[in-house]
Amino acid sequence: MKKLTAAVLSTAVAASLLVGCGSTAASGAAAPASAVSAAESVDADQAAADHVAELIDAIYVQTRNENTDAQCAEAKAAWDALTDAQKALVEGDEADPDYFGRDTGDASLDDARNQDEIGENEILVVSFGTSFNDSRAKDIKAIEDALQAAYPDYSVRRAFTAQIIINHVQARDNECIDNMQQALDRAVANGVKHLVVQPTHLMHGAEYDEMTEAVNSYADKFESVAIAEPLLGEVGSDAAVINADKKAVAEAVVAAAVESSDYDSLQAAADDGTAFVLMGHGTSHTAKVSYSQMQTQMNELGYSNVFIGTVEGEPEETSCEAVIEALQAAGYTKVILRPLMVVAGDHANNDMAGDDEDSWKSMMEAADFESVACQIEGLGRIEAVQDLYIAHTAAALQG
């Protein structure tokens, strides 16, 4: 119905732009001219907003095509042409005023790393991606910068696997980030001989599998191709399996959480009745056991007031409801939420720290905890985590 309305009223939009919102074009004697003009103006505003919503929905897709660049530019131009009142009316299947209107930081602080003249040696850093500019620079770019500093004989380049995010950043900020195919094609065109792929993914999940498949399809284009481990390393068979990577991540994120809190130590927080909840994404993939293993790792380290949760609630014991029950059973009265994600993007800002009633912050507050605080900081900005990626790349280079 929305698309039909937008099409029918397209001429009204044009008329509004030509003669202004106060137009008193003749419409019969059934109502005063002022009333008709006001109604036409409201209809024109909604039509203009609906048109922008359709353009946003058209680029909110996971596939790129020959029209993507033009569609991104068209959507932004149409948004810029709206009045503030019209922008507030934008609503579609995926569209809303925040798509273009939310301030997520300065995109110019980021580096898309899509330059040519790569040379024969490349490290391609593959991330899911984020449209949150500050987080992209502080988390993803920080990892890329650390890898470039560690391996000056290699050109570090970027690829995102989420075309939805690539399109969002391109349309809003005019920053063009390569998807996997574009990045691999760029490497081939630049004569890269030795390619190392370093994913920033947390685990061997669905995203990692898809990335590996894409890289393997290009394997015959290079003299050598190596794919490095994700952050948490090998998955393992059950919740009891932990490894050096999980230990390093557990220690790093807890140290960062304590440093960003008002406490001098993890024990001081526990003595004050405070628990830290680290919220991951969650997955139905068999790699979901990694979250259970991270909880085992926290327990093994003696971090009794650190709990692992996930947005998706998979594994089941990581759902928000299950975590709340565990917190209450353990007697904690205060909670500090922090993402167990490489990037503090949409999930951290909305699902964790948002004001909607189904955010983790809101649900914890509704559970009558004395206080609920949020640390919106991704893993990627932690130096010890960057060092772990550097070590994984080194292992891949050594074969």
Protein backbone atom coordinates (compact mmCIF):
# COMPACT_ATOMS: atom_id res chain seq x y z
CA MET A 1 0.00 0.00 0.00
CA LYS A 2 2.87 2.38 0.81
CA LYS A 3 4.44 1.97 -2.64
CA LEU A 4 1.10 2.52 -4.35
CA THR A 5 0.51 5.66 -2.32
CA ALA A 6 3.94 7.01 -3.19
CA ALA A 7 3.35 6.39 -6.90
CA VAL A 8 -0.09 7.98 -6.95
CA LEU A 9 1.14 11.05 -5.09
CA SER A 10 4.36 11.56 -7.03
CA THR A 11 2.84 14.46 -8.97
CA ALA A 12 1.80 16.03 -5.70
CA VAL A 13 5.42 15.96 -4.57
CA ALA A 14 6.55 17.74 -7.71
CA ALA A 15 3.86 20.35 -7.35
CA SER A 16 4.82 20.92 -3.74
CA LEU A 17 8.45 21.49 -4.68
CA LEU A 18 7.43 23.97 -7.40
CA VAL A 19 4.84 26.07 -5.65
CA GLY A 20 5.70 25.49 -1.97
CA CYS A 21 3.91 23.90 0.96
CA GLY A 22 1.44 26.78 1.12
CA SER A 23 0.01 26.21 -2.38
CA THR A 24 -3.71 26.95 -2.75
CA ALA A 25 -4.31 25.18 -6.06
CA ALA A 26 -7.97 24.85 -6.94
CA SER A 27 -9.63 21.67 -5.72
CA GLY A 28 -13.32 22.38 -5.86
CA ALA A 29 -15.67 24.20 -3.50
CA ALA A 30 -16.29 21.31 -1.11
CA ALA A 31 -13.87 22.70 1.51
CA PRO A 32 -12.13 25.99 2.29
CA ALA A 33 -9.00 26.54 0.25
CA SER A 34 -6.83 26.69 3.39
CA ALA A 35 -8.05 23.29 4.57
CA VAL A 36 -7.47 21.70 1.17
CA SER A 37 -4.00 23.23 0.99
CA ALA A 38 -3.08 21.86 4.42
CA ALA A 39 -4.30 18.37 3.50
CA GLU A 40 -2.36 18.43 0.23
CA SER A 41 0.75 19.54 2.06
CA VAL A 42 0.47 16.65 4.55
CA ASP A 43 -0.03 14.17 1.71
CA ALA A 44 2.92 15.60 -0.20
CA ASP A 45 5.15 15.38 2.88
CA GLN A 46 4.25 11.74 3.41
CA ALA A 47 4.74 10.93 -0.27
CA ALA A 48 8.19 12.49 -0.24
CA ALA A 49 9.13 10.55 2.90
CA ASP A 50 7.75 7.31 1.45
CA HIS A 51 9.82 7.80 -1.69
CA VAL A 52 13.01 8.08 0.38
CA ALA A 53 12.00 5.00 2.41
CA GLU A 54 11.66 3.03 -0.82
CA LEU A 55 15.10 4.17 -1.96
CA ILE A 56 16.64 3.12 1.38
CA ASP A 57 14.92 -0.26 1.28
CA ALA A 58 16.31 -0.78 -2.22
CA ILE A 59 19.90 -0.52 -0.96
CA TYR A 60 19.27 -2.38 2.28
CA VAL A 61 20.26 -5.62 0.56
CA GLN A 62 23.06 -8.16 0.83
CA THR A 63 23.87 -8.25 -2.89
CA ARG A 64 25.62 -5.65 -5.00
CA ASN A 65 24.57 -4.98 -8.59
CA GLU A 66 25.43 -2.65 -11.46
CA ASN A 67 23.00 -0.03 -10.13
CA THR A 68 24.17 0.03 -6.50
CA ASP A 69 26.39 3.11 -6.78
CA ALA A 70 23.64 5.14 -8.49
CA GLN A 71 21.03 3.90 -6.00
CA CYS A 72 23.16 4.96 -3.04
CA ALA A 73 23.65 8.42 -4.49
CA GLU A 74 19.96 8.77 -5.34
CA ALA A 75 18.85 7.79 -1.84
CA LYS A 76 21.14 10.35 -0.19
CA ALA A 77 20.14 13.14 -2.59
CA ALA A 78 16.46 12.44 -1.96
CA TRP A 79 17.04 12.46 1.80
CA ASP A 80 18.93 15.75 1.64
CA ALA A 81 16.01 17.30 -0.28
CA LEU A 82 13.55 16.55 2.55
CA THR A 83 12.57 19.04 5.21
CA ASP A 84 13.16 18.09 8.85
CA ALA A 85 9.44 17.35 9.21
CA GLN A 86 9.51 15.06 6.17
CA LYS A 87 12.62 13.24 7.43
CA ALA A 88 10.77 12.32 10.62
CA LEU A 89 8.11 10.56 8.50
CA VAL A 90 10.55 8.17 6.77
CA GLU A 91 9.56 4.59 7.55
CA GLY A 92 9.88 1.48 5.40
CA ASP A 93 10.60 -2.22 5.68
CA GLU A 94 14.11 -1.35 6.86
CA ALA A 95 14.17 2.43 6.52
CA ASP A 96 13.84 4.93 9.33
CA PRO A 97 15.09 8.48 10.05
CA ASP A 98 18.24 7.11 11.72
CA TYR A 99 19.52 5.56 8.48
CA PHE A 100 20.83 8.93 7.32
CA GLY A 101 20.07 11.05 10.36
CA ARG A 102 21.86 9.33 13.24
CA ASP A 103 25.20 10.82 14.20
CA THR A 104 27.68 7.95 14.57
CA GLY A 105 30.86 9.98 14.43
CA ASP A 106 33.25 11.38 11.85
CA ALA A 107 33.66 9.07 8.85
CA SER A 108 36.77 10.95 7.75
CA LEU A 109 38.68 9.39 10.66
CA ASP A 110 38.34 5.99 8.98
CA ASP A 111 40.36 4.54 6.10
CA ALA A 112 38.57 2.31 3.60
CA ARG A 113 41.92 0.76 2.61
CA ASN A 114 40.79 0.21 -0.98
CA GLN A 115 43.88 1.73 -2.59
CA ASP A 116 45.57 0.11 -5.56
CA GLU A 117 49.37 -0.25 -5.96
CA ILE A 118 49.28 -3.04 -3.39
CA GLY A 119 52.46 -4.81 -4.43
CA GLU A 120 53.08 -8.54 -4.36
CA ASN A 121 52.25 -9.11 -0.68
CA GLU A 122 48.85 -8.36 0.83
CA ILE A 123 47.11 -8.90 4.14
CA LEU A 124 43.36 -8.69 3.54
CA VAL A 125 41.52 -7.94 6.78
CA VAL A 126 37.96 -9.23 6.50
CA SER A 127 35.26 -7.92 8.83
CA PHE A 128 31.49 -8.14 8.99
CA GLY A 129 31.55 -4.34 9.22
CA THR A 130 29.65 -1.58 10.95
CA SER A 131 27.94 1.64 9.90
CA PHE A 132 28.91 3.29 13.21
CA ASN A 133 31.75 5.57 12.14
CA ASP A 134 33.44 5.97 15.52
CA SER A 135 33.43 2.23 16.15
CA ARG A 136 34.68 1.47 12.65
CA ALA A 137 37.68 3.71 13.24
CA LYS A 138 38.37 2.70 16.86
CA ASP A 139 37.82 -1.04 16.44
CA ILE A 140 38.29 -2.23 12.85
CA LYS A 141 40.76 0.40 11.69
CA ALA A 142 42.73 -0.06 14.90
CA ILE A 143 43.26 -3.75 14.10
CA GLU A 144 44.21 -2.94 10.50
CA ASP A 145 46.65 -0.25 11.63
CA ALA A 146 48.26 -2.64 14.12
CA LEU A 147 48.70 -5.29 11.42
CA GLN A 148 50.21 -2.75 9.03
CA ALA A 149 52.70 -1.63 11.67
CA ALA A 150 53.62 -5.25 12.45
CA TYR A 151 54.04 -6.24 8.79
CA PRO A 152 55.46 -3.27 6.86
CA ASP A 153 56.38 -5.49 3.89
CA TYR A 154 52.70 -6.23 3.30
CA SER A 155 49.92 -3.95 2.12
CA VAL A 156 46.94 -4.17 4.46
CA ARG A 157 43.59 -3.91 2.70
CA ARG A 158 39.98 -4.16 3.90
CA ALA A 159 36.90 -6.14 2.95
CA PHE A 160 33.47 -6.21 4.60
CA THR A 161 31.15 -9.17 4.20
CA ALA A 162 27.93 -7.22 4.92
CA GLN A 163 26.84 -5.46 1.71
CA ILE A 164 24.01 -3.87 3.69
CA ILE A 165 26.61 -2.04 5.77
CA ILE A 166 28.80 -1.21 2.77
CA ASN A 167 25.81 0.42 1.06
CA HIS A 168 24.83 2.31 4.21
CA VAL A 169 28.30 3.83 4.65
CA GLN A 170 28.59 4.63 0.96
CA ALA A 171 25.18 6.29 0.74
CA ARG A 172 25.47 8.30 3.95
CA ASP A 173 29.19 9.17 4.05
CA ASN A 174 30.40 8.60 0.48
CA GLU A 175 32.99 6.13 1.81
CA CYS A 176 33.39 3.16 -0.53
CA ILE A 177 34.43 -0.10 1.15
CA ASP A 178 35.20 -3.25 -0.85
CA ASN A 179 33.12 -6.37 -0.46
CA MET A 180 34.89 -9.72 -0.71
CA GLN A 181 34.66 -9.98 -4.49
CA GLN A 182 35.83 -6.42 -5.02
CA ALA A 183 38.77 -6.87 -2.65
CA LEU A 184 39.86 -10.12 -4.24
CA ASP A 185 39.46 -8.72 -7.74
CA ARG A 186 41.54 -5.71 -6.66
CA ALA A 187 44.29 -8.02 -5.43
CA VAL A 188 44.32 -9.94 -8.71
CA ALA A 189 44.34 -6.76 -10.81
CA ASN A 190 47.24 -5.40 -8.75
CA GLY A 191 49.35 -8.49 -9.26
CA VAL A 192 49.36 -9.74 -5.69
CA LYS A 193 51.28 -13.01 -5.44
CA HIS A 194 51.10 -13.79 -1.73
CA LEU A 195 47.77 -13.24 -0.02
CA VAL A 196 47.11 -13.61 3.70
CA VAL A 197 43.51 -13.27 4.86
CA GLN A 198 43.01 -12.22 8.48
CA PRO A 199 39.36 -12.29 9.59
CA THR A 200 38.30 -10.14 12.53
CA HIS A 201 35.46 -12.58 13.20
CA LEU A 202 35.13 -13.88 16.74
CA MET A 203 34.87 -17.55 15.84
CA HIS A 204 34.61 -20.22 13.15
CA GLY A 205 30.95 -19.39 12.51
CA ALA A 206 28.80 -18.90 9.43
CA GLU A 207 30.52 -15.66 8.43
CA TYR A 208 33.93 -17.31 8.64
CA ASP A 209 32.71 -20.26 6.54
CA GLU A 210 31.36 -17.95 3.82
CA MET A 211 34.58 -15.94 3.79
CA THR A 212 36.67 -19.10 3.44
CA GLU A 213 34.55 -20.27 0.53
CA ALA A 214 35.00 -16.93 -1.25
CA VAL A 215 38.78 -16.93 -0.73
CA ASN A 216 39.15 -20.53 -1.88
CA SER A 217 37.36 -19.71 -5.13
CA TYR A 218 40.25 -17.32 -5.93
CA ALA A 219 43.06 -19.60 -4.73
CA ASP A 220 44.39 -20.31 -8.22
CA LYS A 221 44.86 -16.57 -8.86
CA PHE A 222 47.78 -16.31 -6.41
CA GLU A 223 51.05 -18.11 -5.77
CA SER A 224 50.10 -18.59 -2.14
CA VAL A 225 46.99 -18.03 -0.03
CA ALA A 226 46.78 -18.40 3.74
CA ILE A 227 43.73 -17.88 5.97
CA ALA A 228 44.45 -16.96 9.59
CA GLU A 229 42.47 -17.98 12.65
CA PRO A 230 39.57 -15.89 13.98
CA LEU A 231 39.93 -14.28 17.39
CA LEU A 232 38.93 -17.22 19.63
CA GLY A 233 40.83 -19.83 17.62
CA GLU A 234 39.63 -23.40 17.18
CA VAL A 235 36.12 -24.12 18.40
CA GLY A 236 36.51 -27.42 20.26
CA SER A 237 33.97 -30.16 20.85
CA ASP A 238 32.14 -29.02 23.99
CA ALA A 239 31.78 -26.30 26.60
CA ALA A 240 34.76 -27.57 28.59
CA VAL A 241 37.25 -26.94 25.77
CA ILE A 242 39.28 -23.78 26.22
CA ASN A 243 42.55 -22.63 24.65
CA ALA A 244 45.22 -19.95 24.84
CA ASP A 245 43.28 -17.64 22.52
CA LYS A 246 40.16 -17.71 24.68
CA LYS A 247 42.26 -17.14 27.79
CA ALA A 248 43.98 -14.14 26.21
CA VAL A 249 40.66 -12.62 25.11
CA ALA A 250 39.05 -13.24 28.50
CA GLU A 251 41.91 -11.57 30.33
CA ALA A 252 42.02 -8.65 27.89
CA VAL A 253 38.32 -7.82 27.88
CA VAL A 254 37.93 -8.14 31.65
CA ALA A 255 40.96 -5.93 32.25
CA ALA A 256 39.51 -3.32 29.86
CA ALA A 257 36.09 -3.56 31.52
CA VAL A 258 37.54 -2.99 34.97
CA GLU A 259 39.68 -0.10 33.71
CA SER A 260 36.60 1.59 32.23
CA SER A 261 34.63 1.15 35.44
CA ASP A 262 34.86 2.95 38.78
CA TYR A 263 36.56 -0.03 40.41
CA ASP A 264 40.24 -0.68 41.06
CA SER A 265 39.88 -4.41 40.51
CA LEU A 266 37.46 -7.14 39.55
CA GLN A 267 37.35 -8.26 43.17
CA ALA A 268 36.47 -4.74 44.31
CA ALA A 269 33.53 -4.79 41.92
CA ALA A 270 32.40 -8.16 43.26
CA ASP A 271 32.67 -6.91 46.84
CA ASP A 272 30.36 -4.05 45.89
CA GLY A 273 27.80 -6.44 44.41
CA THR A 274 28.68 -5.63 40.80
CA ALA A 275 28.81 -8.13 37.95
CA PHE A 276 30.08 -7.63 34.41
CA VAL A 277 27.93 -9.02 31.60
CA LEU A 278 29.69 -9.47 28.25
CA MET A 279 27.14 -9.60 25.44
CA GLY A 280 28.06 -11.43 22.23
CA HIS A 281 25.99 -11.90 19.10
CA GLY A 282 25.04 -15.56 19.40
CA THR A 283 24.49 -18.01 16.58
CA SER A 284 22.68 -21.19 15.59
CA HIS A 285 25.94 -22.40 14.01
CA THR A 286 27.71 -25.25 15.81
CA ALA A 287 30.36 -22.69 16.78
CA LYS A 288 27.91 -21.33 19.37
CA VAL A 289 29.65 -23.57 21.89
CA SER A 290 32.41 -20.92 21.84
CA TYR A 291 30.25 -18.73 24.10
CA SER A 292 29.86 -21.55 26.61
CA GLN A 293 33.61 -22.09 26.43
CA MET A 294 34.19 -18.41 27.17
CA GLN A 295 32.05 -18.75 30.29
CA THR A 296 34.11 -21.80 31.27
CA GLN A 297 37.25 -19.74 30.69
CA MET A 298 35.96 -16.94 32.93
CA ASN A 299 35.25 -19.48 35.66
CA GLU A 300 38.67 -21.10 35.25
CA LEU A 301 40.31 -17.68 35.69
CA GLY A 302 38.34 -17.09 38.86
CA TYR A 303 36.21 -14.33 37.31
CA SER A 304 33.10 -15.35 39.24
CA ASN A 305 31.32 -12.03 38.61
CA VAL A 306 31.70 -12.15 34.82
CA PHE A 307 28.80 -13.55 32.79
CA ILE A 308 28.54 -14.29 29.05
CA GLY A 309 25.33 -13.45 27.19
CA THR A 310 24.23 -13.22 23.54
CA VAL A 311 21.72 -11.14 21.60
CA GLU A 312 20.35 -14.21 19.85
CA GLY A 313 20.13 -16.26 23.03
CA GLU A 314 22.04 -19.14 21.48
CA PRO A 315 23.28 -21.08 23.44
CA GLU A 316 20.13 -20.94 25.61
CA GLU A 317 22.00 -20.16 28.82
CA THR A 318 23.23 -16.93 27.21
CA SER A 319 19.80 -15.34 26.70
CA CYS A 320 19.13 -12.12 28.57
CA GLU A 321 16.47 -13.82 30.72
CA ALA A 322 18.88 -16.64 31.61
CA VAL A 323 21.65 -14.20 32.48
CA ILE A 324 19.31 -12.16 34.68
CA GLU A 325 18.35 -15.33 36.56
CA ALA A 326 22.01 -16.24 37.02
CA LEU A 327 22.86 -12.75 38.27
CA GLN A 328 20.01 -12.77 40.77
CA ALA A 329 20.82 -16.29 41.96
CA ALA A 330 24.40 -15.19 42.60
CA GLY A 331 23.21 -12.19 44.58
CA TYR A 332 24.57 -9.38 42.42
CA THR A 333 22.71 -6.09 42.67
CA LYS A 334 24.59 -3.98 40.12
CA VAL A 335 25.40 -4.71 36.47
CA ILE A 336 27.91 -3.36 33.96
CA LEU A 337 27.13 -4.34 30.36
CA ARG A 338 29.84 -4.53 27.72
CA PRO A 339 29.90 -6.08 24.21
CA LEU A 340 31.80 -9.30 23.59
CA MET A 341 32.11 -8.17 19.99
CA VAL A 342 35.01 -6.93 17.91
CA VAL A 343 33.01 -3.80 17.01
CA ALA A 344 30.76 -1.72 19.25
CA GLY A 345 28.21 -1.13 16.51
CA ASP A 346 24.47 -1.54 16.13
CA HIS A 347 24.12 -4.42 18.60
CA ALA A 348 26.11 -2.63 21.28
CA ASN A 349 24.37 0.71 20.83
CA ASN A 350 20.84 -0.59 20.35
CA ASP A 351 20.37 -4.20 21.53
CA MET A 352 22.60 -3.70 24.56
CA ALA A 353 22.46 -0.02 25.50
CA GLY A 354 19.33 1.21 23.70
CA ASP A 355 16.28 2.75 25.35
CA ASP A 356 13.72 0.35 23.82
CA GLU A 357 12.05 -1.94 26.32
CA ASP A 358 13.66 -5.05 24.81
CA SER A 359 17.26 -3.80 25.10
CA TRP A 360 19.46 -5.54 27.65
CA LYS A 361 19.82 -2.32 29.62
CA SER A 362 16.04 -1.85 29.80
CA MET A 363 15.41 -5.50 30.69
CA MET A 364 18.02 -5.37 33.44
CA GLU A 365 16.51 -2.16 34.79
CA ALA A 366 13.06 -3.78 34.72
CA ALA A 367 14.53 -6.66 36.77
CA ASP A 368 15.14 -4.12 39.57
CA PHE A 369 18.92 -4.17 39.69
CA GLU A 370 20.20 -1.27 41.74
CA SER A 371 22.15 0.12 38.79
CA VAL A 372 22.82 -0.82 35.16
CA ALA A 373 25.72 0.82 33.32
CA CYS A 374 26.96 0.30 29.76
CA GLN A 375 30.46 0.35 28.29
CA ILE A 376 30.14 0.77 24.52
CA GLU A 377 33.63 -0.38 23.57
CA GLY A 378 34.53 -3.07 21.05
CA LEU A 379 37.26 -5.66 21.44
CA GLY A 380 39.13 -4.26 18.45
CA ARG A 381 40.41 -1.21 20.33
CA ILE A 382 42.11 -3.32 23.02
CA GLU A 383 45.86 -3.57 22.39
CA ALA A 384 46.09 -7.14 23.69
CA VAL A 385 43.40 -8.18 21.21
CA GLN A 386 45.26 -6.48 18.39
CA ASP A 387 48.36 -8.41 19.44
CA LEU A 388 46.42 -11.65 19.19
CA TYR A 389 45.41 -10.88 15.61
CA ILE A 390 49.06 -10.09 14.84
CA ALA A 391 50.04 -13.48 16.26
CA HIS A 392 47.38 -15.25 14.19
CA THR A 393 48.67 -13.55 11.06
CA ALA A 394 52.22 -14.61 11.96
CA ALA A 395 51.09 -18.23 12.29
CA ALA A 396 49.41 -18.04 8.88
CA LEU A 397 52.55 -16.59 7.30
CA GLN A 398 54.62 -19.41 8.76
CA GLY A 399 52.23 -21.96 7.33
